[in-house]
Amino acid sequence: MNLLTSLVLYEQISTTEAKAKELKRVAQKFIHDISSDDNNFNIVRLINKNVYGGARKKAFDMRKVLGSVKMYKTTERVGDGCLQVIVKLETKKEKKNEDKSTKTTK
């Protein structure tokens, strides 16, 4: 839940591949749950259950524009050779712009 809170707050974090895979699973479910429900009471309950501190207000404000979670592999960590991954929270606006750019290049 702490990684989910950081992801909501900063919209992009760097972590290990194993943690990123678990975070992506939890974040996708969280995004689906708060985006699909129109009842504000249920949304607030879900946000309070999954996110801490200042990320609660941001998650509530962003609930309609949250899109998906993307993982980008970067480098290996120097100490133990563990693969580092950047986890990015994408909004629906970014997805539309990405789709337009791929259509024009084809």
PDB file of N, CA and C in Angstrom:
ATOM      1  N   MET A   1       0.813  -1.194   0.000  1.00  0.00           N
ATOM      2  CA  MET A   1       0.000   0.000   0.000  1.00  0.00           C
ATOM      3  C   MET A   1       0.859   1.261   0.000  1.00  0.00           C
ATOM      4  N   ASN A   2       2.050   1.200   0.593  1.00  0.00           N
ATOM      5  CA  ASN A   2       2.914   2.370   0.588  1.00  0.00           C
ATOM      6  C   ASN A   2       3.402   2.697  -0.822  1.00  0.00           C
ATOM      7  N   LEU A   3       3.703   1.677  -1.606  1.00  0.00           N
ATOM      8  CA  LEU A   3       4.104   1.926  -2.990  1.00  0.00           C
ATOM      9  C   LEU A   3       2.947   2.493  -3.802  1.00  0.00           C
ATOM     10  N   LEU A   4       1.740   2.028  -3.542  1.00  0.00           N
ATOM     11  CA  LEU A   4       0.567   2.558  -4.231  1.00  0.00           C
ATOM     12  C   LEU A   4       0.367   4.026  -3.872  1.00  0.00           C
ATOM     13  N   THR A   5       0.560   4.375  -2.612  1.00  0.00           N
ATOM     14  CA  THR A   5       0.449   5.766  -2.183  1.00  0.00           C
ATOM     15  C   THR A   5       1.493   6.625  -2.886  1.00  0.00           C
ATOM     16  N   SER A   6       2.719   6.140  -2.966  1.00  0.00           N
ATOM     17  CA  SER A   6       3.778   6.885  -3.649  1.00  0.00           C
ATOM     18  C   SER A   6       3.479   7.032  -5.133  1.00  0.00           C
ATOM     19  N   LEU A   7       2.944   5.996  -5.739  1.00  0.00           N
ATOM     20  CA  LEU A   7       2.599   6.055  -7.157  1.00  0.00           C
ATOM     21  C   LEU A   7       1.518   7.093  -7.416  1.00  0.00           C
ATOM     22  N   VAL A   8       0.521   7.161  -6.559  1.00  0.00           N
ATOM     23  CA  VAL A   8      -0.542   8.154  -6.724  1.00  0.00           C
ATOM     24  C   VAL A   8       0.008   9.558  -6.511  1.00  0.00           C
ATOM     25  N   LEU A   9       0.860   9.727  -5.514  1.00  0.00           N
ATOM     26  CA  LEU A   9       1.409  11.057  -5.218  1.00  0.00           C
ATOM     27  C   LEU A   9       2.335  11.568  -6.319  1.00  0.00           C
ATOM     28  N   TYR A  10       3.271  10.738  -6.740  1.00  0.00           N
ATOM     29  CA  TYR A  10       4.319  11.190  -7.653  1.00  0.00           C
ATOM     30  C   TYR A  10       4.083  10.793  -9.102  1.00  0.00           C
ATOM     31  N   GLU A  11       3.144   9.908  -9.363  1.00  0.00           N
ATOM     32  CA  GLU A  11       2.754   9.426 -10.687  1.00  0.00           C
ATOM     33  C   GLU A  11       3.857   8.644 -11.405  1.00  0.00           C
ATOM     34  N   GLN A  12       5.052   8.547 -10.815  1.00  0.00           N
ATOM     35  CA  GLN A  12       6.138   7.765 -11.388  1.00  0.00           C
ATOM     36  C   GLN A  12       7.117   7.436 -10.277  1.00  0.00           C
ATOM     37  N   ILE A  13       7.447   6.148 -10.129  1.00  0.00           N
ATOM     38  CA  ILE A  13       8.405   5.742  -9.111  1.00  0.00           C
ATOM     39  C   ILE A  13       9.350   4.703  -9.693  1.00  0.00           C
ATOM     40  N   SER A  14      10.487   4.535  -9.042  1.00  0.00           N
ATOM     41  CA  SER A  14      11.463   3.535  -9.446  1.00  0.00           C
ATOM     42  C   SER A  14      11.566   2.493  -8.340  1.00  0.00           C
ATOM     43  N   THR A  15      11.494   1.227  -8.722  1.00  0.00           N
ATOM     44  CA  THR A  15      11.546   0.141  -7.740  1.00  0.00           C
ATOM     45  C   THR A  15      12.089  -1.114  -8.420  1.00  0.00           C
ATOM     46  N   THR A  16      12.161  -2.210  -7.688  1.00  0.00           N
ATOM     47  CA  THR A  16      12.635  -3.468  -8.262  1.00  0.00           C
ATOM     48  C   THR A  16      11.533  -4.109  -9.106  1.00  0.00           C
ATOM     49  N   GLU A  17      11.936  -5.030  -9.947  1.00  0.00           N
ATOM     50  CA  GLU A  17      10.980  -5.664 -10.863  1.00  0.00           C
ATOM     51  C   GLU A  17       9.916  -6.463 -10.113  1.00  0.00           C
ATOM     52  N   ALA A  18      10.308  -7.173  -9.079  1.00  0.00           N
ATOM     53  CA  ALA A  18       9.351  -7.991  -8.328  1.00  0.00           C
ATOM     54  C   ALA A  18       8.301  -7.124  -7.640  1.00  0.00           C
ATOM     55  N   LYS A  19       8.748  -6.037  -7.014  1.00  0.00           N
ATOM     56  CA  LYS A  19       7.801  -5.131  -6.365  1.00  0.00           C
ATOM     57  C   LYS A  19       6.917  -4.442  -7.396  1.00  0.00           C
ATOM     58  N   ALA A  20       7.477  -4.127  -8.557  1.00  0.00           N
ATOM     59  CA  ALA A  20       6.715  -3.451  -9.600  1.00  0.00           C
ATOM     60  C   ALA A  20       5.600  -4.339 -10.151  1.00  0.00           C
ATOM     61  N   LYS A  21       5.866  -5.622 -10.297  1.00  0.00           N
ATOM     62  CA  LYS A  21       4.835  -6.537 -10.791  1.00  0.00           C
ATOM     63  C   LYS A  21       3.654  -6.604  -9.830  1.00  0.00           C
ATOM     64  N   GLU A  22       3.947  -6.688  -8.544  1.00  0.00           N
ATOM     65  CA  GLU A  22       2.883  -6.719  -7.537  1.00  0.00           C
ATOM     66  C   GLU A  22       2.153  -5.385  -7.476  1.00  0.00           C
ATOM     67  N   LEU A  23       2.895  -4.293  -7.562  1.00  0.00           N
ATOM     68  CA  LEU A  23       2.288  -2.961  -7.539  1.00  0.00           C
ATOM     69  C   LEU A  23       1.360  -2.766  -8.730  1.00  0.00           C
ATOM     70  N   LYS A  24       1.761  -3.233  -9.898  1.00  0.00           N
ATOM     71  CA  LYS A  24       0.929  -3.083 -11.091  1.00  0.00           C
ATOM     72  C   LYS A  24      -0.391  -3.819 -10.917  1.00  0.00           C
ATOM     73  N   ARG A  25      -0.341  -5.019 -10.353  1.00  0.00           N
ATOM     74  CA  ARG A  25      -1.563  -5.792 -10.125  1.00  0.00           C
ATOM     75  C   ARG A  25      -2.498  -5.055  -9.168  1.00  0.00           C
ATOM     76  N   VAL A  26      -1.958  -4.549  -8.062  1.00  0.00           N
ATOM     77  CA  VAL A  26      -2.768  -3.856  -7.060  1.00  0.00           C
ATOM     78  C   VAL A  26      -3.291  -2.527  -7.617  1.00  0.00           C
ATOM     79  N   ALA A  27      -2.436  -1.801  -8.331  1.00  0.00           N
ATOM     80  CA  ALA A  27      -2.827  -0.486  -8.854  1.00  0.00           C
ATOM     81  C   ALA A  27      -3.904  -0.605  -9.931  1.00  0.00           C
ATOM     82  N   GLN A  28      -3.802  -1.602 -10.799  1.00  0.00           N
ATOM     83  CA  GLN A  28      -4.825  -1.776 -11.842  1.00  0.00           C
ATOM     84  C   GLN A  28      -6.190  -2.059 -11.215  1.00  0.00           C
ATOM     85  N   LYS A  29      -6.218  -2.880 -10.186  1.00  0.00           N
ATOM     86  CA  LYS A  29      -7.478  -3.179  -9.498  1.00  0.00           C
ATOM     87  C   LYS A  29      -8.016  -1.931  -8.813  1.00  0.00           C
ATOM     88  N   PHE A  30      -7.139  -1.162  -8.175  1.00  0.00           N
ATOM     89  CA  PHE A  30      -7.528   0.071  -7.500  1.00  0.00           C
ATOM     90  C   PHE A  30      -8.114   1.077  -8.495  1.00  0.00           C
ATOM     91  N   ILE A  31      -7.446   1.257  -9.630  1.00  0.00           N
ATOM     92  CA  ILE A  31      -7.922   2.198 -10.657  1.00  0.00           C
ATOM     93  C   ILE A  31      -9.275   1.763 -11.183  1.00  0.00           C
ATOM     94  N   HIS A  32      -9.428   0.478 -11.452  1.00  0.00           N
ATOM     95  CA  HIS A  32     -10.704  -0.024 -11.957  1.00  0.00           C
ATOM     96  C   HIS A  32     -11.820   0.201 -10.948  1.00  0.00           C
ATOM     97  N   ASP A  33     -11.550  -0.071  -9.687  1.00  0.00           N
ATOM     98  CA  ASP A  33     -12.581   0.051  -8.657  1.00  0.00           C
ATOM     99  C   ASP A  33     -13.029   1.492  -8.454  1.00  0.00           C
ATOM    100  N   ILE A  34     -12.088   2.438  -8.414  1.00  0.00           N
ATOM    101  CA  ILE A  34     -12.504   3.820  -8.153  1.00  0.00           C
ATOM    102  C   ILE A  34     -13.025   4.512  -9.408  1.00  0.00           C
ATOM    103  N   SER A  35     -12.680   4.018 -10.591  1.00  0.00           N
ATOM    104  CA  SER A  35     -13.160   4.639 -11.826  1.00  0.00           C
ATOM    105  C   SER A  35     -14.548   4.157 -12.217  1.00  0.00           C
ATOM    106  N   SER A  36     -14.871   2.925 -11.881  1.00  0.00           N
ATOM    107  CA  SER A  36     -16.124   2.347 -12.364  1.00  0.00           C
ATOM    108  C   SER A  36     -17.318   2.680 -11.478  1.00  0.00           C
ATOM    109  N   ASP A  37     -17.084   3.042 -10.229  1.00  0.00           N
ATOM    110  CA  ASP A  37     -18.184   3.288  -9.299  1.00  0.00           C
ATOM    111  C   ASP A  37     -18.555   4.767  -9.306  1.00  0.00           C
ATOM    112  N   ASP A  38     -19.862   5.079  -9.378  1.00  0.00           N
ATOM    113  CA  ASP A  38     -20.328   6.460  -9.361  1.00  0.00           C
ATOM    114  C   ASP A  38     -20.755   6.913  -7.972  1.00  0.00           C
ATOM    115  N   ASN A  39     -20.823   6.008  -7.021  1.00  0.00           N
ATOM    116  CA  ASN A  39     -21.222   6.343  -5.669  1.00  0.00           C
ATOM    117  C   ASN A  39     -20.009   6.889  -4.915  1.00  0.00           C
ATOM    118  N   ASN A  40     -20.048   8.187  -4.551  1.00  0.00           N
ATOM    119  CA  ASN A  40     -18.903   8.826  -3.894  1.00  0.00           C
ATOM    120  C   ASN A  40     -18.566   8.180  -2.560  1.00  0.00           C
ATOM    121  N   PHE A  41     -19.560   7.679  -1.840  1.00  0.00           N
ATOM    122  CA  PHE A  41     -19.292   7.039  -0.553  1.00  0.00           C
ATOM    123  C   PHE A  41     -18.416   5.806  -0.744  1.00  0.00           C
ATOM    124  N   ASN A  42     -18.735   4.987  -1.743  1.00  0.00           N
ATOM    125  CA  ASN A  42     -17.935   3.790  -2.014  1.00  0.00           C
ATOM    126  C   ASN A  42     -16.524   4.144  -2.470  1.00  0.00           C
ATOM    127  N   ILE A  43     -16.401   5.200  -3.271  1.00  0.00           N
ATOM    128  CA  ILE A  43     -15.091   5.622  -3.756  1.00  0.00           C
ATOM    129  C   ILE A  43     -14.218   6.079  -2.595  1.00  0.00           C
ATOM    130  N   VAL A  44     -14.783   6.899  -1.715  1.00  0.00           N
ATOM    131  CA  VAL A  44     -14.029   7.386  -0.553  1.00  0.00           C
ATOM    132  C   VAL A  44     -13.623   6.220   0.342  1.00  0.00           C
ATOM    133  N   ARG A  45     -14.498   5.249   0.517  1.00  0.00           N
ATOM    134  CA  ARG A  45     -14.179   4.081   1.336  1.00  0.00           C
ATOM    135  C   ARG A  45     -13.019   3.296   0.727  1.00  0.00           C
ATOM    136  N   LEU A  46     -13.046   3.086  -0.582  1.00  0.00           N
ATOM    137  CA  LEU A  46     -11.958   2.364  -1.255  1.00  0.00           C
ATOM    138  C   LEU A  46     -10.635   3.125  -1.174  1.00  0.00           C
ATOM    139  N   ILE A  47     -10.699   4.436  -1.364  1.00  0.00           N
ATOM    140  CA  ILE A  47      -9.479   5.251  -1.305  1.00  0.00           C
ATOM    141  C   ILE A  47      -8.899   5.232   0.100  1.00  0.00           C
ATOM    142  N   ASN A  48      -9.750   5.395   1.109  1.00  0.00           N
ATOM    143  CA  ASN A  48      -9.267   5.385   2.496  1.00  0.00           C
ATOM    144  C   ASN A  48      -8.670   4.041   2.880  1.00  0.00           C
ATOM    145  N   LYS A  49      -9.177   2.968   2.289  1.00  0.00           N
ATOM    146  CA  LYS A  49      -8.675   1.627   2.593  1.00  0.00           C
ATOM    147  C   LYS A  49      -7.302   1.376   1.962  1.00  0.00           C
ATOM    148  N   ASN A  50      -7.057   1.946   0.785  1.00  0.00           N
ATOM    149  CA  ASN A  50      -5.866   1.595   0.014  1.00  0.00           C
ATOM    150  C   ASN A  50      -4.757   2.635  -0.018  1.00  0.00           C
ATOM    151  N   VAL A  51      -5.066   3.902   0.263  1.00  0.00           N
ATOM    152  CA  VAL A  51      -4.095   4.978   0.084  1.00  0.00           C
ATOM    153  C   VAL A  51      -4.003   5.792   1.365  1.00  0.00           C
ATOM    154  N   TYR A  52      -2.799   6.302   1.662  1.00  0.00           N
ATOM    155  CA  TYR A  52      -2.563   7.027   2.902  1.00  0.00           C
ATOM    156  C   TYR A  52      -2.283   8.506   2.644  1.00  0.00           C
ATOM    157  N   GLY A  53      -2.528   9.336   3.658  1.00  0.00           N
ATOM    158  CA  GLY A  53      -2.092  10.728   3.693  1.00  0.00           C
ATOM    159  C   GLY A  53      -2.626  11.594   2.571  1.00  0.00           C
ATOM    160  N   GLY A  54      -1.736  12.423   2.024  1.00  0.00           N
ATOM    161  CA  GLY A  54      -2.099  13.396   1.005  1.00  0.00           C
ATOM    162  C   GLY A  54      -2.504  12.781  -0.317  1.00  0.00           C
ATOM    163  N   ALA A  55      -2.222  11.516  -0.509  1.00  0.00           N
ATOM    164  CA  ALA A  55      -2.578  10.861  -1.766  1.00  0.00           C
ATOM    165  C   ALA A  55      -4.084  10.613  -1.860  1.00  0.00           C
ATOM    166  N   ARG A  56      -4.792  10.654  -0.744  1.00  0.00           N
ATOM    167  CA  ARG A  56      -6.242  10.405  -0.770  1.00  0.00           C
ATOM    168  C   ARG A  56      -6.965  11.452  -1.597  1.00  0.00           C
ATOM    169  N   LYS A  57      -6.671  12.720  -1.345  1.00  0.00           N
ATOM    170  CA  LYS A  57      -7.341  13.795  -2.080  1.00  0.00           C
ATOM    171  C   LYS A  57      -6.964  13.748  -3.559  1.00  0.00           C
ATOM    172  N   LYS A  58      -5.701  13.496  -3.832  1.00  0.00           N
ATOM    173  CA  LYS A  58      -5.251  13.429  -5.220  1.00  0.00           C
ATOM    174  C   LYS A  58      -5.909  12.267  -5.957  1.00  0.00           C
ATOM    175  N   ALA A  59      -6.035  11.116  -5.303  1.00  0.00           N
ATOM    176  CA  ALA A  59      -6.679   9.954  -5.923  1.00  0.00           C
ATOM    177  C   ALA A  59      -8.145  10.248  -6.202  1.00  0.00           C
ATOM    178  N   PHE A  60      -8.822  10.925  -5.272  1.00  0.00           N
ATOM    179  CA  PHE A  60     -10.234  11.252  -5.482  1.00  0.00           C
ATOM    180  C   PHE A  60     -10.394  12.231  -6.639  1.00  0.00           C
ATOM    181  N   ASP A  61      -9.505  13.213  -6.731  1.00  0.00           N
ATOM    182  CA  ASP A  61      -9.586  14.199  -7.810  1.00  0.00           C
ATOM    183  C   ASP A  61      -9.237  13.598  -9.168  1.00  0.00           C
ATOM    184  N   MET A  62      -8.334  12.608  -9.195  1.00  0.00           N
ATOM    185  CA  MET A  62      -7.878  12.020 -10.459  1.00  0.00           C
ATOM    186  C   MET A  62      -8.679  10.804 -10.885  1.00  0.00           C
ATOM    187  N   ARG A  63      -9.697  10.427 -10.149  1.00  0.00           N
ATOM    188  CA  ARG A  63     -10.360   9.142 -10.393  1.00  0.00           C
ATOM    189  C   ARG A  63     -10.963   9.015 -11.793  1.00  0.00           C
ATOM    190  N   LYS A  64     -11.364  10.108 -12.424  1.00  0.00           N
ATOM    191  CA  LYS A  64     -11.968  10.031 -13.759  1.00  0.00           C
ATOM    192  C   LYS A  64     -10.955  10.007 -14.888  1.00  0.00           C
ATOM    193  N   VAL A  65      -9.723  10.459 -14.628  1.00  0.00           N
ATOM    194  CA  VAL A  65      -8.727  10.505 -15.693  1.00  0.00           C
ATOM    195  C   VAL A  65      -7.657   9.430 -15.568  1.00  0.00           C
ATOM    196  N   LEU A  66      -7.706   8.608 -14.524  1.00  0.00           N
ATOM    197  CA  LEU A  66      -6.709   7.550 -14.372  1.00  0.00           C
ATOM    198  C   LEU A  66      -6.865   6.526 -15.486  1.00  0.00           C
ATOM    199  N   GLY A  67      -5.766   6.163 -16.086  1.00  0.00           N
ATOM    200  CA  GLY A  67      -5.803   5.230 -17.201  1.00  0.00           C
ATOM    201  C   GLY A  67      -5.261   3.865 -16.850  1.00  0.00           C
ATOM    202  N   SER A  68      -3.955   3.711 -16.926  1.00  0.00           N
ATOM    203  CA  SER A  68      -3.344   2.415 -16.686  1.00  0.00           C
ATOM    204  C   SER A  68      -1.988   2.597 -16.023  1.00  0.00           C
ATOM    205  N   VAL A  69      -1.353   1.482 -15.730  1.00  0.00           N
ATOM    206  CA  VAL A  69      -0.030   1.486 -15.112  1.00  0.00           C
ATOM    207  C   VAL A  69       0.938   0.850 -16.093  1.00  0.00           C
ATOM    208  N   LYS A  70       2.026   1.549 -16.388  1.00  0.00           N
ATOM    209  CA  LYS A  70       3.039   1.050 -17.317  1.00  0.00           C
ATOM    210  C   LYS A  70       4.345   0.820 -16.582  1.00  0.00           C
ATOM    211  N   MET A  71       5.074  -0.211 -17.012  1.00  0.00           N
ATOM    212  CA  MET A  71       6.377  -0.535 -16.429  1.00  0.00           C
ATOM    213  C   MET A  71       7.446  -0.415 -17.512  1.00  0.00           C
ATOM    214  N   TYR A  72       8.526   0.270 -17.183  1.00  0.00           N
ATOM    215  CA  TYR A  72       9.648   0.430 -18.098  1.00  0.00           C
ATOM    216  C   TYR A  72      10.913  -0.072 -17.403  1.00  0.00           C
ATOM    217  N   LYS A  73      11.563  -1.083 -17.977  1.00  0.00           N
ATOM    218  CA  LYS A  73      12.791  -1.620 -17.389  1.00  0.00           C
ATOM    219  C   LYS A  73      13.935  -0.649 -17.660  1.00  0.00           C
ATOM    220  N   THR A  74      14.762  -0.438 -16.635  1.00  0.00           N
ATOM    221  CA  THR A  74      15.866   0.505 -16.793  1.00  0.00           C
ATOM    222  C   THR A  74      17.208  -0.213 -16.676  1.00  0.00           C
ATOM    223  N   THR A  75      17.843  -0.207 -15.520  1.00  0.00           N
ATOM    224  CA  THR A  75      19.171  -0.779 -15.360  1.00  0.00           C
ATOM    225  C   THR A  75      19.189  -1.758 -14.196  1.00  0.00           C
ATOM    226  N   GLU A  76      20.317  -2.391 -14.027  1.00  0.00           N
ATOM    227  CA  GLU A  76      20.503  -3.259 -12.871  1.00  0.00           C
ATOM    228  C   GLU A  76      21.103  -2.454 -11.730  1.00  0.00           C
ATOM    229  N   ARG A  77      20.686  -2.752 -10.520  1.00  0.00           N
ATOM    230  CA  ARG A  77      21.224  -2.079  -9.344  1.00  0.00           C
ATOM    231  C   ARG A  77      22.660  -2.545  -9.129  1.00  0.00           C
ATOM    232  N   VAL A  78      23.520  -1.621  -8.735  1.00  0.00           N
ATOM    233  CA  VAL A  78      24.952  -1.909  -8.622  1.00  0.00           C
ATOM    234  C   VAL A  78      25.237  -2.947  -7.540  1.00  0.00           C
ATOM    235  N   GLY A  79      24.628  -2.832  -6.386  1.00  0.00           N
ATOM    236  CA  GLY A  79      24.966  -3.692  -5.261  1.00  0.00           C
ATOM    237  C   GLY A  79      24.648  -5.154  -5.470  1.00  0.00           C
ATOM    238  N   ASP A  80      23.429  -5.469  -5.920  1.00  0.00           N
ATOM    239  CA  ASP A  80      23.024  -6.866  -6.006  1.00  0.00           C
ATOM    240  C   ASP A  80      22.585  -7.302  -7.406  1.00  0.00           C
ATOM    241  N   GLY A  81      22.622  -6.411  -8.372  1.00  0.00           N
ATOM    242  CA  GLY A  81      22.279  -6.772  -9.734  1.00  0.00           C
ATOM    243  C   GLY A  81      20.787  -6.932  -9.993  1.00  0.00           C
ATOM    244  N   CYS A  82      19.964  -6.447  -9.091  1.00  0.00           N
ATOM    245  CA  CYS A  82      18.513  -6.548  -9.241  1.00  0.00           C
ATOM    246  C   CYS A  82      18.038  -5.559 -10.304  1.00  0.00           C
ATOM    247  N   LEU A  83      17.149  -6.003 -11.172  1.00  0.00           N
ATOM    248  CA  LEU A  83      16.657  -5.163 -12.255  1.00  0.00           C
ATOM    249  C   LEU A  83      15.745  -4.066 -11.712  1.00  0.00           C
ATOM    250  N   GLN A  84      16.026  -2.815 -12.070  1.00  0.00           N
ATOM    251  CA  GLN A  84      15.223  -1.675 -11.659  1.00  0.00           C
ATOM    252  C   GLN A  84      14.168  -1.379 -12.727  1.00  0.00           C
ATOM    253  N   VAL A  85      13.005  -0.948 -12.281  1.00  0.00           N
ATOM    254  CA  VAL A  85      11.885  -0.677 -13.167  1.00  0.00           C
ATOM    255  C   VAL A  85      11.273   0.662 -12.784  1.00  0.00           C
ATOM    256  N   ILE A  86      10.875   1.453 -13.786  1.00  0.00           N
ATOM    257  CA  ILE A  86      10.114   2.673 -13.539  1.00  0.00           C
ATOM    258  C   ILE A  86       8.653   2.327 -13.753  1.00  0.00           C
ATOM    259  N   VAL A  87       7.837   2.613 -12.741  1.00  0.00           N
ATOM    260  CA  VAL A  87       6.403   2.377 -12.810  1.00  0.00           C
ATOM    261  C   VAL A  87       5.741   3.732 -12.985  1.00  0.00           C
ATOM    262  N   LYS A  88       4.939   3.870 -14.028  1.00  0.00           N
ATOM    263  CA  LYS A  88       4.332   5.158 -14.350  1.00  0.00           C
ATOM    264  C   LYS A  88       2.815   5.017 -14.388  1.00  0.00           C
ATOM    265  N   LEU A  89       2.150   5.953 -13.757  1.00  0.00           N
ATOM    266  CA  LEU A  89       0.695   6.011 -13.747  1.00  0.00           C
ATOM    267  C   LEU A  89       0.260   6.895 -14.906  1.00  0.00           C
ATOM    268  N   GLU A  90      -0.388   6.315 -15.899  1.00  0.00           N
ATOM    269  CA  GLU A  90      -0.786   7.072 -17.083  1.00  0.00           C
ATOM    270  C   GLU A  90      -2.238   7.493 -16.975  1.00  0.00           C
ATOM    271  N   THR A  91      -2.518   8.667 -17.510  1.00  0.00           N
ATOM    272  CA  THR A  91      -3.886   9.169 -17.533  1.00  0.00           C
ATOM    273  C   THR A  91      -4.494   8.887 -18.894  1.00  0.00           C
ATOM    274  N   LYS A  92      -5.788   9.040 -18.982  1.00  0.00           N
ATOM    275  CA  LYS A  92      -6.481   8.778 -20.253  1.00  0.00           C
ATOM    276  C   LYS A  92      -6.065   9.769 -21.325  1.00  0.00           C
ATOM    277  N   LYS A  93      -5.709  11.001 -20.937  1.00  0.00           N
ATOM    278  CA  LYS A  93      -5.253  12.006 -21.904  1.00  0.00           C
ATOM    279  C   LYS A  93      -3.947  11.577 -22.541  1.00  0.00           C
ATOM    280  N   GLU A  94      -3.023  11.034 -21.745  1.00  0.00           N
ATOM    281  CA  GLU A  94      -1.747  10.556 -22.276  1.00  0.00           C
ATOM    282  C   GLU A  94      -1.960   9.393 -23.234  1.00  0.00           C
ATOM    283  N   LYS A  95      -2.910   8.521 -22.918  1.00  0.00           N
ATOM    284  CA  LYS A  95      -3.183   7.371 -23.780  1.00  0.00           C
ATOM    285  C   LYS A  95      -3.709   7.831 -25.127  1.00  0.00           C
ATOM    286  N   LYS A  96      -4.589   8.852 -25.144  1.00  0.00           N
ATOM    287  CA  LYS A  96      -5.130   9.365 -26.409  1.00  0.00           C
ATOM    288  C   LYS A  96      -4.031   9.986 -27.251  1.00  0.00           C
ATOM    289  N   ASN A  97      -3.149  10.764 -26.627  1.00  0.00           N
ATOM    290  CA  ASN A  97      -2.032  11.370 -27.355  1.00  0.00           C
ATOM    291  C   ASN A  97      -1.098  10.301 -27.905  1.00  0.00           C
ATOM    292  N   GLU A  98      -0.861   9.245 -27.150  1.00  0.00           N
ATOM    293  CA  GLU A  98       0.002   8.154 -27.577  1.00  0.00           C
ATOM    294  C   GLU A  98      -0.623   7.437 -28.771  1.00  0.00           C
ATOM    295  N   ASP A  99      -1.942   7.230 -28.751  1.00  0.00           N
ATOM    296  CA  ASP A  99      -2.625   6.570 -29.850  1.00  0.00           C
ATOM    297  C   ASP A  99      -2.553   7.416 -31.117  1.00  0.00           C
ATOM    298  N   LYS A 100      -2.712   8.714 -31.000  1.00  0.00           N
ATOM    299  CA  LYS A 100      -2.650   9.605 -32.157  1.00  0.00           C
ATOM    300  C   LYS A 100      -1.256   9.593 -32.768  1.00  0.00           C
ATOM    301  N   SER A 101      -0.219   9.582 -31.925  1.00  0.00           N
ATOM    302  CA  SER A 101       1.136   9.606 -32.458  1.00  0.00           C
ATOM    303  C   SER A 101       1.476   8.303 -33.175  1.00  0.00           C
ATOM    304  N   THR A 102       0.957   7.175 -32.710  1.00  0.00           N
ATOM    305  CA  THR A 102       1.233   5.905 -33.381  1.00  0.00           C
ATOM    306  C   THR A 102       0.467   5.809 -34.704  1.00  0.00           C
ATOM    307  N   LYS A 103      -0.706   6.419 -34.783  1.00  0.00           N
ATOM    308  CA  LYS A 103      -1.482   6.370 -36.017  1.00  0.00           C
ATOM    309  C   LYS A 103      -0.830   7.219 -37.105  1.00  0.00           C
ATOM    310  N   THR A 104      -0.223   8.342 -36.732  1.00  0.00           N
ATOM    311  CA  THR A 104       0.377   9.197 -37.728  1.00  0.00           C
ATOM    312  C   THR A 104       1.704   8.653 -38.254  1.00  0.00           C
ATOM    313  N   THR A 105       2.385   7.827 -37.471  1.00  0.00           N
ATOM    314  CA  THR A 105       3.678   7.294 -37.913  1.00  0.00           C
ATOM    315  C   THR A 105       3.532   6.083 -38.820  1.00  0.00           C
ATOM    316  N   LYS A 106       2.383   5.453 -38.854  1.00  0.00           N
ATOM    317  CA  LYS A 106       2.203   4.257 -39.676  1.00  0.00           C
ATOM    318  C   LYS A 106       1.974   4.584 -41.120  1.00  0.00           C
TER     319      LYS A 106
END
